[in-house]
Amino acid sequence: MGDQHRGEPVEVTCYAGYKADERPTTVTWRERTYQVLDVLDRWYDRDGNYFKVSVEEGGQHLLRHDLGDDRWYLVPPREE
């Protein structure tokens, strides 16, 4: 899968409680850091974990933690 399907690489800090990278707490995208206010949804795939989050500026974003390369990506919205 090419990077265009993964999304744009971002830096994510996570809360680690019961397990590592349990939930995102901040997202740094294009040199700006956003505080995650809430995890709206999450699901797990064999190759990655997905988190739909709301951030302090009022936006909602989909983050993907790629388990193969241990990197985070901002997934672009789907065109319906």
PDB file of N, CA and C in Angstrom:
ATOM      1  N   MET A   1       0.853  -1.174   0.000  1.00  0.00           N
ATOM      2  CA  MET A   1       0.000   0.000   0.000  1.00  0.00           C
ATOM      3  C   MET A   1       0.899   1.237   0.000  1.00  0.00           C
ATOM      4  N   GLY A   2       0.645   2.170  -0.882  1.00  0.00           N
ATOM      5  CA  GLY A   2       1.437   3.394  -0.945  1.00  0.00           C
ATOM      6  C   GLY A   2       1.031   4.387   0.120  1.00  0.00           C
ATOM      7  N   ASP A   3       1.897   5.379   0.360  1.00  0.00           N
ATOM      8  CA  ASP A   3       1.623   6.386   1.378  1.00  0.00           C
ATOM      9  C   ASP A   3       0.364   7.179   1.101  1.00  0.00           C
ATOM     10  N   GLN A   4      -0.028   7.338  -0.184  1.00  0.00           N
ATOM     11  CA  GLN A   4      -1.229   8.101  -0.482  1.00  0.00           C
ATOM     12  C   GLN A   4      -2.475   7.435   0.094  1.00  0.00           C
ATOM     13  N   HIS A   5      -2.426   6.116   0.314  1.00  0.00           N
ATOM     14  CA  HIS A   5      -3.558   5.420   0.909  1.00  0.00           C
ATOM     15  C   HIS A   5      -3.493   5.411   2.426  1.00  0.00           C
ATOM     16  N   ARG A   6      -2.307   5.558   2.957  1.00  0.00           N
ATOM     17  CA  ARG A   6      -2.137   5.562   4.412  1.00  0.00           C
ATOM     18  C   ARG A   6      -2.566   6.886   5.012  1.00  0.00           C
ATOM     19  N   GLY A   7      -2.291   7.952   4.300  1.00  0.00           N
ATOM     20  CA  GLY A   7      -2.537   9.287   4.826  1.00  0.00           C
ATOM     21  C   GLY A   7      -1.226  10.015   5.043  1.00  0.00           C
ATOM     22  N   GLU A   8      -1.323  11.128   5.702  1.00  0.00           N
ATOM     23  CA  GLU A   8      -0.151  11.966   5.950  1.00  0.00           C
ATOM     24  C   GLU A   8       0.464  11.606   7.299  1.00  0.00           C
ATOM     25  N   PRO A   9       1.781  11.404   7.347  1.00  0.00           N
ATOM     26  CA  PRO A   9       2.413  11.062   8.630  1.00  0.00           C
ATOM     27  C   PRO A   9       2.229  12.182   9.661  1.00  0.00           C
ATOM     28  N   VAL A  10       1.940  11.796  10.895  1.00  0.00           N
ATOM     29  CA  VAL A  10       1.790  12.735  12.013  1.00  0.00           C
ATOM     30  C   VAL A  10       2.503  12.138  13.225  1.00  0.00           C
ATOM     31  N   GLU A  11       2.798  12.997  14.197  1.00  0.00           N
ATOM     32  CA  GLU A  11       3.327  12.531  15.471  1.00  0.00           C
ATOM     33  C   GLU A  11       2.187  12.509  16.472  1.00  0.00           C
ATOM     34  N   VAL A  12       2.089  11.431  17.214  1.00  0.00           N
ATOM     35  CA  VAL A  12       1.002  11.268  18.182  1.00  0.00           C
ATOM     36  C   VAL A  12       1.600  10.862  19.517  1.00  0.00           C
ATOM     37  N   THR A  13       1.142  11.510  20.583  1.00  0.00           N
ATOM     38  CA  THR A  13       1.460  11.027  21.928  1.00  0.00           C
ATOM     39  C   THR A  13       0.212  10.345  22.455  1.00  0.00           C
ATOM     40  N   CYS A  14       0.436   9.313  23.235  1.00  0.00           N
ATOM     41  CA  CYS A  14      -0.682   8.492  23.689  1.00  0.00           C
ATOM     42  C   CYS A  14      -0.664   8.298  25.192  1.00  0.00           C
ATOM     43  N   TYR A  15      -1.843   8.055  25.715  1.00  0.00           N
ATOM     44  CA  TYR A  15      -1.993   7.572  27.076  1.00  0.00           C
ATOM     45  C   TYR A  15      -1.703   6.076  27.047  1.00  0.00           C
ATOM     46  N   ALA A  16      -0.885   5.616  27.945  1.00  0.00           N
ATOM     47  CA  ALA A  16      -0.581   4.198  28.048  1.00  0.00           C
ATOM     48  C   ALA A  16      -1.037   3.726  29.415  1.00  0.00           C
ATOM     49  N   GLY A  17      -2.165   3.061  29.432  1.00  0.00           N
ATOM     50  CA  GLY A  17      -2.710   2.544  30.689  1.00  0.00           C
ATOM     51  C   GLY A  17      -2.645   1.037  30.680  1.00  0.00           C
ATOM     52  N   TYR A  18      -3.764   0.430  30.371  1.00  0.00           N
ATOM     53  CA  TYR A  18      -3.867  -1.028  30.307  1.00  0.00           C
ATOM     54  C   TYR A  18      -2.909  -1.595  29.273  1.00  0.00           C
ATOM     55  N   LYS A  19      -2.717  -0.867  28.161  1.00  0.00           N
ATOM     56  CA  LYS A  19      -1.786  -1.302  27.122  1.00  0.00           C
ATOM     57  C   LYS A  19      -1.094  -0.079  26.539  1.00  0.00           C
ATOM     58  N   ALA A  20      -0.016  -0.299  25.814  1.00  0.00           N
ATOM     59  CA  ALA A  20       0.706   0.801  25.171  1.00  0.00           C
ATOM     60  C   ALA A  20      -0.158   1.426  24.083  1.00  0.00           C
ATOM     61  N   ASP A  21       0.004   2.720  23.878  1.00  0.00           N
ATOM     62  CA  ASP A  21      -0.753   3.446  22.852  1.00  0.00           C
ATOM     63  C   ASP A  21      -2.254   3.193  22.965  1.00  0.00           C
ATOM     64  N   GLU A  22      -2.762   3.254  24.192  1.00  0.00           N
ATOM     65  CA  GLU A  22      -4.171   2.953  24.437  1.00  0.00           C
ATOM     66  C   GLU A  22      -5.103   3.952  23.749  1.00  0.00           C
ATOM     67  N   ARG A  23      -4.742   5.245  23.836  1.00  0.00           N
ATOM     68  CA  ARG A  23      -5.545   6.263  23.148  1.00  0.00           C
ATOM     69  C   ARG A  23      -4.699   7.509  22.932  1.00  0.00           C
ATOM     70  N   PRO A  24      -4.901   8.197  21.793  1.00  0.00           N
ATOM     71  CA  PRO A  24      -4.137   9.412  21.498  1.00  0.00           C
ATOM     72  C   PRO A  24      -4.503  10.549  22.446  1.00  0.00           C
ATOM     73  N   THR A  25      -3.501  11.344  22.836  1.00  0.00           N
ATOM     74  CA  THR A  25      -3.753  12.524  23.669  1.00  0.00           C
ATOM     75  C   THR A  25      -3.393  13.821  22.950  1.00  0.00           C
ATOM     76  N   THR A  26      -2.385  13.786  22.076  1.00  0.00           N
ATOM     77  CA  THR A  26      -2.052  14.940  21.240  1.00  0.00           C
ATOM     78  C   THR A  26      -1.650  14.455  19.851  1.00  0.00           C
ATOM     79  N   VAL A  27      -1.866  15.340  18.860  1.00  0.00           N
ATOM     80  CA  VAL A  27      -1.489  15.075  17.477  1.00  0.00           C
ATOM     81  C   VAL A  27      -0.694  16.274  16.988  1.00  0.00           C
ATOM     82  N   THR A  28       0.490  16.039  16.448  1.00  0.00           N
ATOM     83  CA  THR A  28       1.279  17.104  15.848  1.00  0.00           C
ATOM     84  C   THR A  28       1.257  16.907  14.348  1.00  0.00           C
ATOM     85  N   TRP A  29       0.697  17.901  13.659  1.00  0.00           N
ATOM     86  CA  TRP A  29       0.533  17.854  12.212  1.00  0.00           C
ATOM     87  C   TRP A  29       0.989  19.181  11.634  1.00  0.00           C
ATOM     88  N   ARG A  30       1.894  19.110  10.694  1.00  0.00           N
ATOM     89  CA  ARG A  30       2.435  20.302  10.041  1.00  0.00           C
ATOM     90  C   ARG A  30       2.933  21.324  11.066  1.00  0.00           C
ATOM     91  N   GLU A  31       3.721  20.812  12.019  1.00  0.00           N
ATOM     92  CA  GLU A  31       4.394  21.608  13.046  1.00  0.00           C
ATOM     93  C   GLU A  31       3.447  22.305  14.024  1.00  0.00           C
ATOM     94  N   ARG A  32       2.215  21.830  14.122  1.00  0.00           N
ATOM     95  CA  ARG A  32       1.261  22.373  15.089  1.00  0.00           C
ATOM     96  C   ARG A  32       0.693  21.223  15.910  1.00  0.00           C
ATOM     97  N   THR A  33       0.610  21.418  17.228  1.00  0.00           N
ATOM     98  CA  THR A  33       0.127  20.369  18.119  1.00  0.00           C
ATOM     99  C   THR A  33      -1.316  20.641  18.523  1.00  0.00           C
ATOM    100  N   TYR A  34      -2.125  19.600  18.434  1.00  0.00           N
ATOM    101  CA  TYR A  34      -3.548  19.658  18.770  1.00  0.00           C
ATOM    102  C   TYR A  34      -3.823  18.731  19.947  1.00  0.00           C
ATOM    103  N   GLN A  35      -4.550  19.223  20.917  1.00  0.00           N
ATOM    104  CA  GLN A  35      -4.967  18.423  22.067  1.00  0.00           C
ATOM    105  C   GLN A  35      -6.193  17.600  21.680  1.00  0.00           C
ATOM    106  N   VAL A  36      -6.144  16.302  21.925  1.00  0.00           N
ATOM    107  CA  VAL A  36      -7.296  15.437  21.660  1.00  0.00           C
ATOM    108  C   VAL A  36      -8.263  15.581  22.829  1.00  0.00           C
ATOM    109  N   LEU A  37      -9.490  15.986  22.527  1.00  0.00           N
ATOM    110  CA  LEU A  37     -10.504  16.156  23.562  1.00  0.00           C
ATOM    111  C   LEU A  37     -11.257  14.861  23.842  1.00  0.00           C
ATOM    112  N   ASP A  38     -11.508  14.091  22.785  1.00  0.00           N
ATOM    113  CA  ASP A  38     -12.325  12.893  22.961  1.00  0.00           C
ATOM    114  C   ASP A  38     -12.026  11.897  21.850  1.00  0.00           C
ATOM    115  N   VAL A  39     -12.079  10.621  22.181  1.00  0.00           N
ATOM    116  CA  VAL A  39     -12.033   9.557  21.179  1.00  0.00           C
ATOM    117  C   VAL A  39     -13.481   9.211  20.878  1.00  0.00           C
ATOM    118  N   LEU A  40     -13.932   9.535  19.669  1.00  0.00           N
ATOM    119  CA  LEU A  40     -15.318   9.341  19.284  1.00  0.00           C
ATOM    120  C   LEU A  40     -15.623   7.912  18.856  1.00  0.00           C
ATOM    121  N   ASP A  41     -14.614   7.254  18.301  1.00  0.00           N
ATOM    122  CA  ASP A  41     -14.776   5.875  17.856  1.00  0.00           C
ATOM    123  C   ASP A  41     -13.386   5.264  17.728  1.00  0.00           C
ATOM    124  N   ARG A  42     -13.322   3.971  17.786  1.00  0.00           N
ATOM    125  CA  ARG A  42     -12.055   3.261  17.572  1.00  0.00           C
ATOM    126  C   ARG A  42     -12.364   1.879  17.053  1.00  0.00           C
ATOM    127  N   TRP A  43     -11.472   1.380  16.223  1.00  0.00           N
ATOM    128  CA  TRP A  43     -11.589   0.012  15.762  1.00  0.00           C
ATOM    129  C   TRP A  43     -10.200  -0.501  15.441  1.00  0.00           C
ATOM    130  N   TYR A  44     -10.110  -1.812  15.427  1.00  0.00           N
ATOM    131  CA  TYR A  44      -8.816  -2.473  15.310  1.00  0.00           C
ATOM    132  C   TYR A  44      -8.822  -3.384  14.092  1.00  0.00           C
ATOM    133  N   ASP A  45      -7.767  -3.292  13.309  1.00  0.00           N
ATOM    134  CA  ASP A  45      -7.571  -4.112  12.122  1.00  0.00           C
ATOM    135  C   ASP A  45      -6.290  -4.916  12.363  1.00  0.00           C
ATOM    136  N   ARG A  46      -6.050  -5.919  11.577  1.00  0.00           N
ATOM    137  CA  ARG A  46      -4.828  -6.720  11.795  1.00  0.00           C
ATOM    138  C   ARG A  46      -3.565  -5.923  11.517  1.00  0.00           C
ATOM    139  N   ASP A  47      -3.661  -4.886  10.658  1.00  0.00           N
ATOM    140  CA  ASP A  47      -2.486  -4.097  10.298  1.00  0.00           C
ATOM    141  C   ASP A  47      -2.421  -2.726  10.974  1.00  0.00           C
ATOM    142  N   GLY A  48      -3.503  -2.324  11.624  1.00  0.00           N
ATOM    143  CA  GLY A  48      -3.494  -0.997  12.229  1.00  0.00           C
ATOM    144  C   GLY A  48      -4.668  -0.757  13.153  1.00  0.00           C
ATOM    145  N   ASN A  49      -4.513   0.231  14.006  1.00  0.00           N
ATOM    146  CA  ASN A  49      -5.575   0.659  14.909  1.00  0.00           C
ATOM    147  C   ASN A  49      -6.046   2.037  14.464  1.00  0.00           C
ATOM    148  N   TYR A  50      -7.349   2.249  14.475  1.00  0.00           N
ATOM    149  CA  TYR A  50      -7.947   3.499  14.013  1.00  0.00           C
ATOM    150  C   TYR A  50      -8.636   4.206  15.168  1.00  0.00           C
ATOM    151  N   PHE A  51      -8.492   5.533  15.197  1.00  0.00           N
ATOM    152  CA  PHE A  51      -9.121   6.356  16.225  1.00  0.00           C
ATOM    153  C   PHE A  51      -9.750   7.573  15.556  1.00  0.00           C
ATOM    154  N   LYS A  52     -11.050   7.730  15.723  1.00  0.00           N
ATOM    155  CA  LYS A  52     -11.714   8.956  15.283  1.00  0.00           C
ATOM    156  C   LYS A  52     -11.733   9.870  16.507  1.00  0.00           C
ATOM    157  N   VAL A  53     -11.099  11.043  16.373  1.00  0.00           N
ATOM    158  CA  VAL A  53     -10.923  11.922  17.528  1.00  0.00           C
ATOM    159  C   VAL A  53     -11.483  13.311  17.246  1.00  0.00           C
ATOM    160  N   SER A  54     -11.843  14.009  18.314  1.00  0.00           N
ATOM    161  CA  SER A  54     -12.145  15.437  18.218  1.00  0.00           C
ATOM    162  C   SER A  54     -10.986  16.167  18.887  1.00  0.00           C
ATOM    163  N   VAL A  55     -10.622  17.320  18.303  1.00  0.00           N
ATOM    164  CA  VAL A  55      -9.505  18.098  18.828  1.00  0.00           C
ATOM    165  C   VAL A  55     -10.009  19.450  19.303  1.00  0.00           C
ATOM    166  N   GLU A  56      -9.137  20.144  20.060  1.00  0.00           N
ATOM    167  CA  GLU A  56      -9.541  21.375  20.739  1.00  0.00           C
ATOM    168  C   GLU A  56     -10.056  22.456  19.799  1.00  0.00           C
ATOM    169  N   GLU A  57      -9.631  22.480  18.543  1.00  0.00           N
ATOM    170  CA  GLU A  57     -10.108  23.496  17.609  1.00  0.00           C
ATOM    171  C   GLU A  57     -11.486  23.174  17.046  1.00  0.00           C
ATOM    172  N   GLY A  58     -12.054  22.055  17.448  1.00  0.00           N
ATOM    173  CA  GLY A  58     -13.403  21.702  17.027  1.00  0.00           C
ATOM    174  C   GLY A  58     -13.474  20.738  15.860  1.00  0.00           C
ATOM    175  N   GLY A  59     -12.352  20.344  15.301  1.00  0.00           N
ATOM    176  CA  GLY A  59     -12.374  19.410  14.182  1.00  0.00           C
ATOM    177  C   GLY A  59     -12.401  17.962  14.628  1.00  0.00           C
ATOM    178  N   GLN A  60     -12.774  17.105  13.699  1.00  0.00           N
ATOM    179  CA  GLN A  60     -12.730  15.666  13.911  1.00  0.00           C
ATOM    180  C   GLN A  60     -11.791  15.072  12.879  1.00  0.00           C
ATOM    181  N   HIS A  61     -10.968  14.114  13.315  1.00  0.00           N
ATOM    182  CA  HIS A  61      -9.967  13.529  12.433  1.00  0.00           C
ATOM    183  C   HIS A  61      -9.877  12.036  12.669  1.00  0.00           C
ATOM    184  N   LEU A  62      -9.462  11.330  11.625  1.00  0.00           N
ATOM    185  CA  LEU A  62      -9.244   9.893  11.731  1.00  0.00           C
ATOM    186  C   LEU A  62      -7.746   9.635  11.731  1.00  0.00           C
ATOM    187  N   LEU A  63      -7.282   8.977  12.780  1.00  0.00           N
ATOM    188  CA  LEU A  63      -5.867   8.627  12.921  1.00  0.00           C
ATOM    189  C   LEU A  63      -5.707   7.125  12.763  1.00  0.00           C
ATOM    190  N   ARG A  64      -4.620   6.731  12.123  1.00  0.00           N
ATOM    191  CA  ARG A  64      -4.313   5.309  11.960  1.00  0.00           C
ATOM    192  C   ARG A  64      -2.925   5.044  12.501  1.00  0.00           C
ATOM    193  N   HIS A  65      -2.842   4.083  13.413  1.00  0.00           N
ATOM    194  CA  HIS A  65      -1.547   3.630  13.912  1.00  0.00           C
ATOM    195  C   HIS A  65      -1.183   2.375  13.140  1.00  0.00           C
ATOM    196  N   ASP A  66      -0.225   2.498  12.238  1.00  0.00           N
ATOM    197  CA  ASP A  66       0.221   1.373  11.429  1.00  0.00           C
ATOM    198  C   ASP A  66       1.098   0.488  12.304  1.00  0.00           C
ATOM    199  N   LEU A  67       0.650  -0.725  12.543  1.00  0.00           N
ATOM    200  CA  LEU A  67       1.368  -1.629  13.440  1.00  0.00           C
ATOM    201  C   LEU A  67       2.622  -2.210  12.789  1.00  0.00           C
ATOM    202  N   GLY A  68       2.655  -2.253  11.459  1.00  0.00           N
ATOM    203  CA  GLY A  68       3.814  -2.800  10.760  1.00  0.00           C
ATOM    204  C   GLY A  68       5.038  -1.924  10.876  1.00  0.00           C
ATOM    205  N   ASP A  69       4.839  -0.597  10.747  1.00  0.00           N
ATOM    206  CA  ASP A  69       5.997   0.303  10.826  1.00  0.00           C
ATOM    207  C   ASP A  69       5.960   1.191  12.067  1.00  0.00           C
ATOM    208  N   ASP A  70       4.997   0.965  12.952  1.00  0.00           N
ATOM    209  CA  ASP A  70       4.845   1.713  14.205  1.00  0.00           C
ATOM    210  C   ASP A  70       4.840   3.224  13.957  1.00  0.00           C
ATOM    211  N   ARG A  71       4.057   3.636  12.961  1.00  0.00           N
ATOM    212  CA  ARG A  71       3.900   5.057  12.652  1.00  0.00           C
ATOM    213  C   ARG A  71       2.432   5.425  12.636  1.00  0.00           C
ATOM    214  N   TRP A  72       2.187   6.715  12.839  1.00  0.00           N
ATOM    215  CA  TRP A  72       0.829   7.254  12.854  1.00  0.00           C
ATOM    216  C   TRP A  72       0.577   8.060  11.590  1.00  0.00           C
ATOM    217  N   TYR A  73      -0.662   8.001  11.114  1.00  0.00           N
ATOM    218  CA  TYR A  73      -1.057   8.722   9.911  1.00  0.00           C
ATOM    219  C   TYR A  73      -2.407   9.412  10.131  1.00  0.00           C
ATOM    220  N   LEU A  74      -2.539  10.582   9.539  1.00  0.00           N
ATOM    221  CA  LEU A  74      -3.816  11.292   9.473  1.00  0.00           C
ATOM    222  C   LEU A  74      -4.482  10.818   8.194  1.00  0.00           C
ATOM    223  N   VAL A  75      -5.584  10.106   8.335  1.00  0.00           N
ATOM    224  CA  VAL A  75      -6.261   9.501   7.188  1.00  0.00           C
ATOM    225  C   VAL A  75      -7.133  10.563   6.528  1.00  0.00           C
ATOM    226  N   PRO A  76      -6.980  10.742   5.200  1.00  0.00           N
ATOM    227  CA  PRO A  76      -7.800  11.758   4.523  1.00  0.00           C
ATOM    228  C   PRO A  76      -9.263  11.337   4.499  1.00  0.00           C
ATOM    229  N   PRO A  77     -10.182  12.315   4.491  1.00  0.00           N
ATOM    230  CA  PRO A  77     -11.610  11.974   4.398  1.00  0.00           C
ATOM    231  C   PRO A  77     -11.905  11.266   3.089  1.00  0.00           C
ATOM    232  N   ARG A  78     -12.831  10.360   3.144  1.00  0.00           N
ATOM    233  CA  ARG A  78     -13.234   9.636   1.926  1.00  0.00           C
ATOM    234  C   ARG A  78     -14.123  10.519   1.073  1.00  0.00           C
ATOM    235  N   GLU A  79     -13.961  10.373  -0.221  1.00  0.00           N
ATOM    236  CA  GLU A  79     -14.856  11.075  -1.133  1.00  0.00           C
ATOM    237  C   GLU A  79     -16.028  10.152  -1.397  1.00  0.00           C
ATOM    238  N   GLU A  80     -17.209  10.578  -1.047  1.00  0.00           N
ATOM    239  CA  GLU A  80     -18.415   9.752  -1.198  1.00  0.00           C
ATOM    240  C   GLU A  80     -18.979   9.873  -2.590  1.00  0.00           C
TER     241      GLU A  80
END
